[in-house]
């Protein structure tokens, strides 16, 4: 992340009032804060009405911001589940020379994983050539992929101000509305996009999904917190909504501390709470107890049916998926790593010896087969097996290497490295050797 500031390095001391600081963690993450406090061996700062602390040993350095130069761009550390590529710049489209130059720079920045700088160049290109749709369209794509759906929508709206017949802009304006829970507006844009591109199957399927959810969630109550936007069925007993609200916040702070992850970018995670009956009509695998598909979806039963511990586990599991999505900037995470980490964050750790026994009896599954989504699996025994092996593989990294090694692998994945590259760079073994070692760990 590029920050345009003049700086001097300071170490742990009592900060000046109203100063800006950037805290750099050893795992590569960084946080911008107004103030911080030293408590024993920890550095603490306030966010969203709570306090988060990191051990001083986890902190690389603290820098005081003395002077800001230029505008701060806004980048949310996440992407949507349906990430898209920016449109390639064509130097022969007849734009002004300055606009062309900025557009070329934007493409290079984007390729080199510098979305903030790419956005800055595209905004400059738009100033020089406000009639060209490519510049706001690419800016919209970058915002969309980063999960900043509000700014993505503004960019796609700019495209439509120039050319209202742009099917792509209508579609992704609709998708941006969907992820902000503006369902009626989303359907209006999606229908317009379908009129302009009637044969696009992915668009038709997405519209069908939105319509189905709209029918189910039309009467849902809405609530908003600092971190979450929540919708819930009015039939759900109040005790459960209260438990869920409190557990979401508790889980959020637990998980980001566990991952040593804090983003200064403001974002809200959508959460939808269904009755068990309504949840059956939402698109998900039959065996799924809860789902994260860009929105956390949790079913609850009646007081007699529901076990509070199960509900807590669902929340911790799915919220881990959501935070990993932000942590890795929306880059693809192998399913064995994603599901393994989500199980580790659950409140009831598994009996590892029983799990190993089950894996040994059913044989080891090659990790390349566990890299893709598990949602297409239908055999309950196979589902149980892939989840258990995912749990053990992640547990192997923790036990044989360290928690920091696991976080370093995630950090490399966030920078578009493959899992093979990340494992090799962090664990100093090639992926085949890693797989063999994890197999031995399970069998022994």
Protein backbone atom coordinates (compact mmCIF):
# COMPACT_ATOMS: atom_id res chain seq x y z
CA UNK A 1 0.00 0.00 0.00
CA UNK A 2 1.57 3.29 -1.06
CA UNK A 3 1.22 6.19 1.38
CA UNK A 4 2.15 9.71 0.28
CA UNK A 5 3.64 11.20 3.42
CA UNK A 6 6.78 12.79 4.81
CA UNK A 7 7.78 10.69 7.83
CA UNK A 8 10.24 10.14 10.62
CA UNK A 9 10.61 6.90 12.52
CA UNK A 10 9.69 6.70 16.18
CA UNK A 11 9.67 3.82 18.62
CA UNK A 12 7.27 3.13 21.44
CA UNK A 13 6.61 6.31 23.37
CA UNK A 14 3.62 8.36 24.47
CA UNK A 15 2.19 9.95 21.27
CA UNK A 16 1.21 13.58 20.81
CA UNK A 17 -2.49 14.47 20.92
CA UNK A 18 -4.42 14.28 17.64
CA UNK A 19 -1.42 12.88 15.76
CA UNK A 20 -1.71 10.28 12.98
CA UNK A 21 0.33 7.11 13.26
CA UNK A 22 0.91 4.07 11.10
CA UNK A 23 1.59 0.83 12.97
CA UNK A 24 3.48 -1.79 10.92
CA UNK A 25 3.11 -5.42 12.06
CA UNK A 26 5.82 -7.98 11.40
CA UNK A 27 3.42 -10.08 9.30
CA UNK A 28 3.18 -7.27 6.73
CA UNK A 29 -0.11 -5.70 7.81
CA UNK A 30 -0.33 -2.03 8.70
CA UNK A 31 -2.82 0.15 10.56
CA UNK A 32 -3.44 3.90 10.56
CA UNK A 33 -4.62 5.25 13.93
CA UNK A 34 -5.20 8.58 15.59
CA UNK A 35 -3.64 7.56 18.86
CA UNK A 36 -2.32 4.58 20.77
CA UNK A 37 -1.49 3.57 24.32
CA UNK A 38 1.18 1.37 25.85
CA UNK A 39 -0.16 -1.20 28.32
CA UNK A 40 2.58 -3.33 29.83
CA UNK A 41 4.01 -5.14 26.81
CA UNK A 42 1.19 -4.29 24.41
CA UNK A 43 0.29 -1.45 22.05
CA UNK A 44 -3.44 -0.69 22.13
CA UNK A 45 -5.74 1.53 20.08
CA UNK A 46 -9.48 2.11 19.84
CA UNK A 47 -11.64 1.19 16.86
CA UNK A 48 -15.43 0.76 16.43
CA UNK A 49 -16.03 1.45 20.07
CA UNK A 50 -13.71 -1.35 21.22
CA UNK A 51 -10.02 -1.70 21.89
CA UNK A 52 -7.55 -3.94 20.11
CA UNK A 53 -4.05 -4.65 21.43
CA UNK A 54 -0.99 -6.25 19.85
CA UNK A 55 2.10 -7.51 21.69
CA UNK A 56 5.09 -5.22 21.12
CA UNK A 57 6.95 -8.25 19.76
CA UNK A 58 4.41 -8.40 16.88
CA UNK A 59 5.12 -4.79 15.86
CA UNK A 60 7.86 -3.89 13.43
CA UNK A 61 7.73 -0.10 13.80
CA UNK A 62 5.45 2.88 14.38
CA UNK A 63 5.65 5.90 12.10
CA UNK A 64 4.21 9.33 12.80
CA UNK A 65 2.59 11.07 9.84
CA UNK A 66 3.87 14.65 9.78
CA UNK A 67 2.61 15.83 6.43
CA UNK A 68 0.13 14.44 3.92
CA UNK A 69 0.73 15.02 0.23
CA UNK A 70 -2.08 14.56 -2.30
CA UNK A 71 -5.38 12.78 -1.81
CA UNK A 72 -5.86 9.59 0.14
CA UNK A 73 -7.42 6.93 -2.09
CA UNK A 74 -9.93 4.50 -0.68
CA UNK A 75 -9.22 0.77 -0.94
CA UNK A 76 -11.21 -1.86 0.87
CA UNK A 77 -9.20 -5.00 1.44
CA UNK A 78 -11.63 -7.41 -0.16
CA UNK A 79 -13.17 -8.26 -3.50
CA UNK A 80 -16.48 -9.66 -4.55
CA UNK A 81 -16.88 -13.40 -5.21
CA UNK A 82 -17.21 -12.75 -8.96
CA UNK A 83 -13.99 -10.85 -9.56
CA UNK A 84 -13.52 -9.42 -13.06
CA UNK A 85 -10.55 -8.20 -15.09
CA UNK A 86 -10.07 -4.58 -16.11
CA UNK A 87 -10.58 -3.77 -19.78
CA UNK A 88 -7.32 -3.62 -21.71
CA UNK A 89 -6.30 -0.12 -22.77
CA UNK A 90 -6.20 0.48 -26.52
CA UNK A 91 -3.87 3.39 -27.43
CA UNK A 92 -5.64 3.77 -30.79
CA UNK A 93 -9.04 4.79 -29.41
CA UNK A 94 -8.31 8.46 -30.09
CA UNK A 95 -8.13 9.89 -26.57
CA UNK A 96 -6.09 12.96 -25.69
CA UNK A 97 -2.37 12.21 -25.25
CA UNK A 98 -2.37 13.01 -21.52
CA UNK A 99 -5.40 10.78 -20.88
CA UNK A 100 -3.73 7.96 -22.83
CA UNK A 101 -0.60 8.29 -20.76
CA UNK A 102 -2.49 8.10 -17.47
CA UNK A 103 -4.53 5.11 -18.70
CA UNK A 104 -1.36 3.22 -19.63
CA UNK A 105 0.12 3.93 -16.20
CA UNK A 106 -3.12 2.74 -14.55
CA UNK A 107 -2.93 -0.58 -16.38
CA UNK A 108 0.70 -1.10 -15.28
CA UNK A 109 -0.15 -0.28 -11.67
CA UNK A 110 -3.09 -2.68 -11.73
CA UNK A 111 -1.00 -5.51 -13.18
CA UNK A 112 1.58 -4.88 -10.43
CA UNK A 113 -1.06 -5.16 -7.71
CA UNK A 114 -1.23 -1.43 -6.91
CA UNK A 115 -4.97 -0.69 -7.21
CA UNK A 116 -4.80 2.63 -5.31
CA UNK A 117 -2.28 4.04 -7.76
CA UNK A 118 -4.25 2.64 -10.71
CA UNK A 119 -7.39 4.43 -9.49
CA UNK A 120 -5.47 7.69 -9.10
CA UNK A 121 -4.23 7.48 -12.71
CA UNK A 122 -7.71 6.65 -14.03
CA UNK A 123 -9.24 9.63 -12.22
CA UNK A 124 -6.63 11.87 -13.87
CA UNK A 125 -7.40 10.31 -17.26
CA UNK A 126 -11.09 11.08 -16.69
CA UNK A 127 -10.24 14.73 -16.05
CA UNK A 128 -8.46 15.00 -19.40
CA UNK A 129 -11.03 13.03 -21.39
CA UNK A 130 -14.42 13.00 -19.61
CA UNK A 131 -16.20 11.57 -22.66
CA UNK A 132 -14.35 8.22 -22.64
CA UNK A 133 -16.24 5.38 -20.93
CA UNK A 134 -13.20 3.10 -20.55
CA UNK A 135 -11.67 5.15 -17.71
CA UNK A 136 -14.64 5.16 -15.28
CA UNK A 137 -15.42 1.59 -16.29
CA UNK A 138 -11.94 0.38 -15.29
CA UNK A 139 -12.08 2.44 -12.10
CA UNK A 140 -15.43 0.83 -11.34
CA UNK A 141 -13.98 -2.63 -11.92
CA UNK A 142 -11.08 -1.98 -9.53
CA UNK A 143 -13.41 -0.61 -6.86
CA UNK A 144 -15.78 -3.55 -7.41
CA UNK A 145 -12.99 -6.12 -7.12
CA UNK A 146 -11.81 -4.44 -3.92
CA UNK A 147 -15.28 -4.66 -2.36
CA UNK A 148 -15.92 -0.90 -2.37
CA UNK A 149 -19.33 -1.28 -3.98
CA UNK A 150 -20.44 2.28 -3.23
CA UNK A 151 -17.60 3.81 -5.24
CA UNK A 152 -17.88 1.10 -7.86
CA UNK A 153 -21.52 2.07 -8.36
CA UNK A 154 -20.58 5.73 -8.77
CA UNK A 155 -18.08 4.86 -11.49
CA UNK A 156 -20.53 2.63 -13.39
CA UNK A 157 -23.11 5.40 -13.11
CA UNK A 158 -20.58 7.76 -14.74
CA UNK A 159 -20.24 5.30 -17.60
CA UNK A 160 -24.00 5.30 -18.06
CA UNK A 161 -24.10 9.10 -18.07
CA UNK A 162 -21.84 8.93 -21.12
CA UNK A 163 -23.43 5.89 -22.74
CA UNK A 164 -26.71 4.59 -21.30
CA UNK A 165 -26.65 1.54 -23.60
CA UNK A 166 -23.61 -0.05 -21.96
CA UNK A 167 -24.80 -3.50 -20.83
CA UNK A 168 -21.67 -4.18 -18.79
CA UNK A 169 -22.08 -0.98 -16.75
CA UNK A 170 -25.77 -1.73 -16.08
CA UNK A 171 -24.92 -5.27 -14.97
CA UNK A 172 -22.15 -4.29 -12.57
CA UNK A 173 -24.06 -1.32 -11.25
CA UNK A 174 -26.77 -3.87 -10.46
CA UNK A 175 -24.27 -6.21 -8.83
CA UNK A 176 -22.87 -3.32 -6.79
CA UNK A 177 -26.38 -2.48 -5.58
CA UNK A 178 -26.93 -6.15 -4.68
CA UNK A 179 -23.88 -6.31 -2.41
CA UNK A 180 -25.08 -3.11 -0.70
CA UNK A 181 -28.51 -4.74 -0.16
CA UNK A 182 -30.37 -2.35 -2.52
CA UNK A 183 -32.25 -5.22 -4.11
CA UNK A 184 -34.91 -3.25 -6.06
CA UNK A 185 -32.29 -1.01 -7.63
CA UNK A 186 -30.17 -4.07 -8.40
CA UNK A 187 -33.02 -5.78 -10.24
CA UNK A 188 -33.79 -2.64 -12.26
CA UNK A 189 -30.20 -2.48 -13.53
CA UNK A 190 -29.95 -6.22 -14.11
CA UNK A 191 -33.16 -6.21 -16.16
CA UNK A 192 -31.80 -3.35 -18.28
CA UNK A 193 -28.55 -5.25 -18.80
CA UNK A 194 -30.52 -8.34 -19.89
CA UNK A 195 -32.52 -6.26 -22.39
CA UNK A 196 -29.22 -5.10 -23.89
CA UNK A 197 -27.52 -8.55 -23.71
CA UNK A 198 -30.37 -11.08 -23.66
CA UNK A 199 -28.27 -14.20 -24.16
CA UNK A 200 -25.78 -13.83 -21.29
CA UNK A 201 -26.33 -16.93 -19.15
CA UNK A 202 -24.27 -15.78 -16.13
CA UNK A 203 -26.32 -12.57 -15.97
CA UNK A 204 -29.62 -14.46 -16.20
CA UNK A 205 -28.52 -16.85 -13.44
CA UNK A 206 -27.45 -13.99 -11.18
CA UNK A 207 -30.76 -12.17 -11.71
CA UNK A 208 -32.64 -15.37 -10.84
CA UNK A 209 -30.62 -15.66 -7.62
CA UNK A 210 -31.39 -12.04 -6.67
CA UNK A 211 -35.12 -12.47 -7.40
CA UNK A 212 -35.28 -15.62 -5.28
CA UNK A 213 -33.55 -13.92 -2.37
CA UNK A 214 -35.78 -10.88 -2.78
CA UNK A 215 -38.93 -13.00 -2.42
CA UNK A 216 -37.60 -14.63 0.75
CA UNK A 217 -36.11 -11.52 2.37
CA UNK A 218 -38.77 -8.97 1.36
CA UNK A 219 -40.30 -8.84 4.84
CA UNK A 220 -37.04 -9.12 6.79
CA UNK A 221 -36.13 -6.62 9.48
CA UNK A 222 -32.93 -4.61 9.02
CA UNK A 223 -30.29 -3.44 11.48
CA UNK A 224 -26.86 -1.89 11.12
CA UNK A 225 -23.81 -1.87 13.36
CA UNK A 226 -20.35 -0.42 12.88
CA UNK A 227 -19.12 -3.58 11.17
CA UNK A 228 -22.24 -5.46 10.02
CA UNK A 229 -25.43 -4.87 8.09
CA UNK A 230 -27.94 -7.41 9.34
CA UNK A 231 -31.24 -8.67 7.95
CA UNK A 232 -33.36 -11.13 9.89
CA UNK A 233 -36.70 -12.85 9.58
CA UNK A 234 -39.31 -11.27 11.86
CA UNK A 235 -40.41 -14.80 12.87
CA UNK A 236 -37.11 -15.44 14.63
CA UNK A 237 -37.36 -15.19 18.39
CA UNK A 238 -35.72 -12.07 19.78
CA UNK A 239 -33.37 -14.08 22.02
CA UNK A 240 -31.59 -15.42 18.96
CA UNK A 241 -31.20 -12.08 17.20
CA UNK A 242 -29.68 -10.67 20.38
CA UNK A 243 -27.31 -13.63 20.72
CA UNK A 244 -26.28 -13.31 17.08
CA UNK A 245 -25.62 -9.57 17.26
CA UNK A 246 -23.42 -9.99 20.33
CA UNK A 247 -21.64 -13.08 19.02
CA UNK A 248 -20.83 -11.43 15.69
CA UNK A 249 -18.99 -8.60 17.44
CA UNK A 250 -17.25 -10.98 19.84
CA UNK A 251 -16.21 -13.24 16.96
CA UNK A 252 -15.01 -10.32 14.84
CA UNK A 253 -12.60 -9.08 17.49
CA UNK A 254 -11.43 -12.61 18.27
CA UNK A 255 -10.70 -13.47 14.63
CA UNK A 256 -8.93 -10.26 13.61
CA UNK A 257 -6.75 -10.54 16.69
CA UNK A 258 -6.02 -14.17 15.90
CA UNK A 259 -5.03 -13.23 12.35
CA UNK A 260 -3.17 -10.08 13.49
CA UNK A 261 -5.33 -8.30 10.96
CA UNK A 262 -6.67 -4.79 11.13
CA UNK A 263 -7.74 -2.66 8.19
CA UNK A 264 -8.19 1.09 8.47
CA UNK A 265 -10.60 0.85 5.53
CA UNK A 266 -14.24 1.04 6.56
CA UNK A 267 -16.37 -1.87 5.45
CA UNK A 268 -19.57 -3.60 6.49
CA UNK A 269 -20.10 -7.35 6.28
CA UNK A 270 -23.65 -8.34 5.20
CA UNK A 271 -25.30 -10.91 7.49
CA UNK A 272 -28.69 -12.51 6.82
CA UNK A 273 -30.46 -14.60 9.46
CA UNK A 274 -33.14 -17.03 8.26
CA UNK A 275 -35.56 -19.46 9.79
CA UNK A 276 -34.56 -23.03 8.93
CA UNK A 277 -37.55 -23.24 6.59
CA UNK A 278 -36.61 -20.09 4.67
CA UNK A 279 -32.95 -21.14 4.48
CA UNK A 280 -33.91 -24.25 2.53
CA UNK A 281 -35.08 -22.02 -0.33
CA UNK A 282 -31.75 -20.15 -0.54
CA UNK A 283 -29.15 -21.42 -2.99
CA UNK A 284 -26.62 -23.55 -1.05
CA UNK A 285 -25.44 -27.18 -0.80
CA UNK A 286 -27.94 -29.42 0.96
CA UNK A 287 -25.39 -30.37 3.60
CA UNK A 288 -24.40 -26.78 4.48
CA UNK A 289 -25.28 -25.63 8.01
CA UNK A 290 -24.58 -21.99 7.08
CA UNK A 291 -23.03 -20.19 4.09
CA UNK A 292 -20.70 -17.34 3.15
CA UNK A 293 -21.07 -16.30 -0.51
CA UNK A 294 -20.23 -12.62 -0.16
CA UNK A 295 -22.93 -12.46 2.52
CA UNK A 296 -23.02 -14.51 5.72
CA UNK A 297 -26.23 -16.59 5.76
CA UNK A 298 -27.22 -18.29 9.01
CA UNK A 299 -30.37 -20.37 9.74
CA UNK A 300 -31.78 -20.67 13.26
CA UNK A 301 -34.49 -22.89 14.69
CA UNK A 302 -36.85 -22.44 17.59
CA UNK A 303 -35.59 -22.22 21.17
CA UNK A 304 -36.27 -25.96 21.60
CA UNK A 305 -34.47 -26.90 18.37
CA UNK A 306 -31.47 -24.60 18.50
CA UNK A 307 -28.30 -25.27 20.43
CA UNK A 308 -26.58 -22.00 21.29
CA UNK A 309 -23.15 -23.63 20.85
CA UNK A 310 -24.01 -24.69 17.29
CA UNK A 311 -25.12 -21.16 16.46
CA UNK A 312 -21.89 -19.75 17.89
CA UNK A 313 -19.82 -22.17 15.79
CA UNK A 314 -21.72 -21.23 12.61
CA UNK A 315 -20.98 -17.55 13.25
CA UNK A 316 -17.28 -18.04 13.97
CA UNK A 317 -16.89 -20.33 10.95
CA UNK A 318 -18.61 -18.15 8.37
CA UNK A 319 -17.19 -14.91 9.72
CA UNK A 320 -13.70 -16.40 9.36
CA UNK A 321 -14.45 -16.93 5.65
CA UNK A 322 -15.57 -13.31 5.34
CA UNK A 323 -12.49 -11.90 7.09
CA UNK A 324 -10.13 -14.14 5.09
CA UNK A 325 -11.79 -12.73 1.99
CA UNK A 326 -10.86 -9.21 3.12
CA UNK A 327 -7.46 -10.32 4.42
CA UNK A 328 -6.45 -11.78 1.05
CA UNK A 329 -7.88 -8.90 -0.99
CA UNK A 330 -10.38 -11.26 -2.61
CA UNK A 331 -7.67 -13.42 -4.12
CA UNK A 332 -8.44 -17.12 -4.47
CA UNK A 333 -7.71 -19.18 -1.37
CA UNK A 334 -7.53 -22.99 -1.77
CA UNK A 335 -10.60 -24.51 -0.17
CA UNK A 336 -8.54 -26.75 2.13
CA UNK A 337 -6.87 -23.64 3.58
CA UNK A 338 -10.07 -21.59 3.77
CA UNK A 339 -12.16 -24.34 5.38
CA UNK A 340 -9.31 -25.52 7.60
CA UNK A 341 -8.86 -22.06 9.09
CA UNK A 342 -12.61 -21.58 9.53
CA UNK A 343 -12.76 -24.82 11.54
CA UNK A 344 -9.80 -23.77 13.67
CA UNK A 345 -11.63 -20.58 14.65
CA UNK A 346 -14.74 -22.46 15.78
CA UNK A 347 -15.32 -22.50 19.52
CA UNK A 348 -15.26 -26.31 19.82
CA UNK A 349 -11.90 -27.68 18.59
CA UNK A 350 -12.04 -31.18 17.14
CA UNK A 351 -10.69 -34.31 18.75
CA UNK A 352 -7.62 -34.48 16.54
CA UNK A 353 -6.90 -38.17 17.20
CA UNK A 354 -10.42 -39.23 16.21
CA UNK A 355 -10.16 -37.04 13.11
CA UNK A 356 -6.83 -38.60 12.11
CA UNK A 357 -8.26 -42.09 12.54
CA UNK A 358 -11.18 -41.28 10.24
CA UNK A 359 -8.83 -39.83 7.59
CA UNK A 360 -6.57 -42.90 7.71
CA UNK A 361 -9.54 -45.23 7.29
CA UNK A 362 -10.86 -43.32 4.29
CA UNK A 363 -7.45 -42.56 2.71
CA UNK A 364 -5.70 -39.29 2.01
CA UNK A 365 -7.12 -37.01 -0.71
CA UNK A 366 -4.52 -35.19 -2.91
CA UNK A 367 -4.42 -31.52 -1.97
CA UNK A 368 -4.90 -30.46 -5.59
CA UNK A 369 -8.35 -32.06 -5.35
CA UNK A 370 -9.07 -30.01 -2.23
CA UNK A 371 -8.17 -26.69 -3.83
CA UNK A 372 -11.53 -26.14 -5.55
CA UNK A 373 -14.85 -25.28 -3.93
CA UNK A 374 -16.57 -28.04 -1.97
CA UNK A 375 -20.05 -26.77 -2.85
CA UNK A 376 -20.55 -29.30 -5.68
CA UNK A 377 -20.01 -32.31 -3.39
CA UNK A 378 -23.12 -34.38 -2.69
CA UNK A 379 -21.86 -37.45 -0.79
CA UNK A 380 -22.11 -36.72 2.97
CA UNK A 381 -19.15 -38.99 3.81
CA UNK A 382 -16.97 -37.27 1.19
CA UNK A 383 -18.01 -33.87 2.55
CA UNK A 384 -17.02 -34.90 6.07
CA UNK A 385 -13.71 -36.26 4.82
CA UNK A 386 -12.64 -33.16 2.86
CA UNK A 387 -13.46 -30.89 5.79
CA UNK A 388 -11.56 -33.05 8.26
CA UNK A 389 -8.50 -33.30 6.03
CA UNK A 390 -8.58 -29.54 5.47
CA UNK A 391 -8.63 -29.04 9.23
CA UNK A 392 -5.66 -31.38 9.75
CA UNK A 393 -3.60 -29.85 6.94
CA UNK A 394 -3.90 -26.38 8.44
CA UNK A 395 -3.25 -27.81 11.91
CA UNK A 396 -0.09 -29.42 10.50
CA UNK A 397 1.24 -25.99 9.45
CA UNK A 398 0.52 -24.62 12.91
CA UNK A 399 2.14 -27.52 14.77
CA UNK A 400 5.17 -28.19 12.57
CA UNK A 401 5.88 -24.60 11.55
CA UNK A 402 4.08 -21.75 13.32
CA UNK A 403 1.06 -19.49 13.30
CA UNK A 404 3.22 -16.81 11.69
CA UNK A 405 4.04 -19.18 8.82
CA UNK A 406 0.33 -19.65 8.22
CA UNK A 407 -0.24 -15.88 8.18
CA UNK A 408 2.74 -15.38 5.86
CA UNK A 409 1.23 -17.85 3.38
CA UNK A 410 -2.04 -15.89 3.46
CA UNK A 411 -0.16 -12.64 2.94
CA UNK A 412 1.51 -14.00 -0.21
CA UNK A 413 -1.85 -15.26 -1.49
CA UNK A 414 -3.19 -11.73 -1.00
CA UNK A 415 -0.49 -10.55 -3.40
CA UNK A 416 -1.68 -12.96 -6.12
CA UNK A 417 0.95 -15.63 -5.47
CA UNK A 418 -0.14 -19.21 -6.07
CA UNK A 419 -0.41 -21.61 -3.15
CA UNK A 420 2.62 -23.47 -4.54
CA UNK A 421 4.68 -20.26 -4.57
CA UNK A 422 3.49 -19.25 -1.10
CA UNK A 423 4.26 -22.63 0.49
CA UNK A 424 7.71 -22.76 -1.12
CA UNK A 425 8.60 -19.20 -0.04
CA UNK A 426 7.43 -19.60 3.57
CA UNK A 427 8.04 -23.27 4.43
CA UNK A 428 11.12 -23.80 2.22
CA UNK A 429 9.75 -26.99 0.66
CA UNK A 430 8.07 -27.49 -2.67
CA UNK A 431 4.34 -28.20 -2.68
CA UNK A 432 4.80 -31.93 -3.34
CA UNK A 433 7.07 -32.21 -0.29
CA UNK A 434 4.59 -30.23 1.78
CA UNK A 435 1.81 -32.61 0.76
CA UNK A 436 3.93 -35.65 1.68
CA UNK A 437 4.81 -34.15 5.06
CA UNK A 438 1.16 -33.39 5.81
CA UNK A 439 0.23 -36.96 4.83
CA UNK A 440 2.87 -38.32 7.20
CA UNK A 441 1.57 -36.05 9.94
CA UNK A 442 -1.91 -37.51 9.56
CA UNK A 443 -0.82 -41.16 9.29
CA UNK A 444 1.61 -41.02 12.20
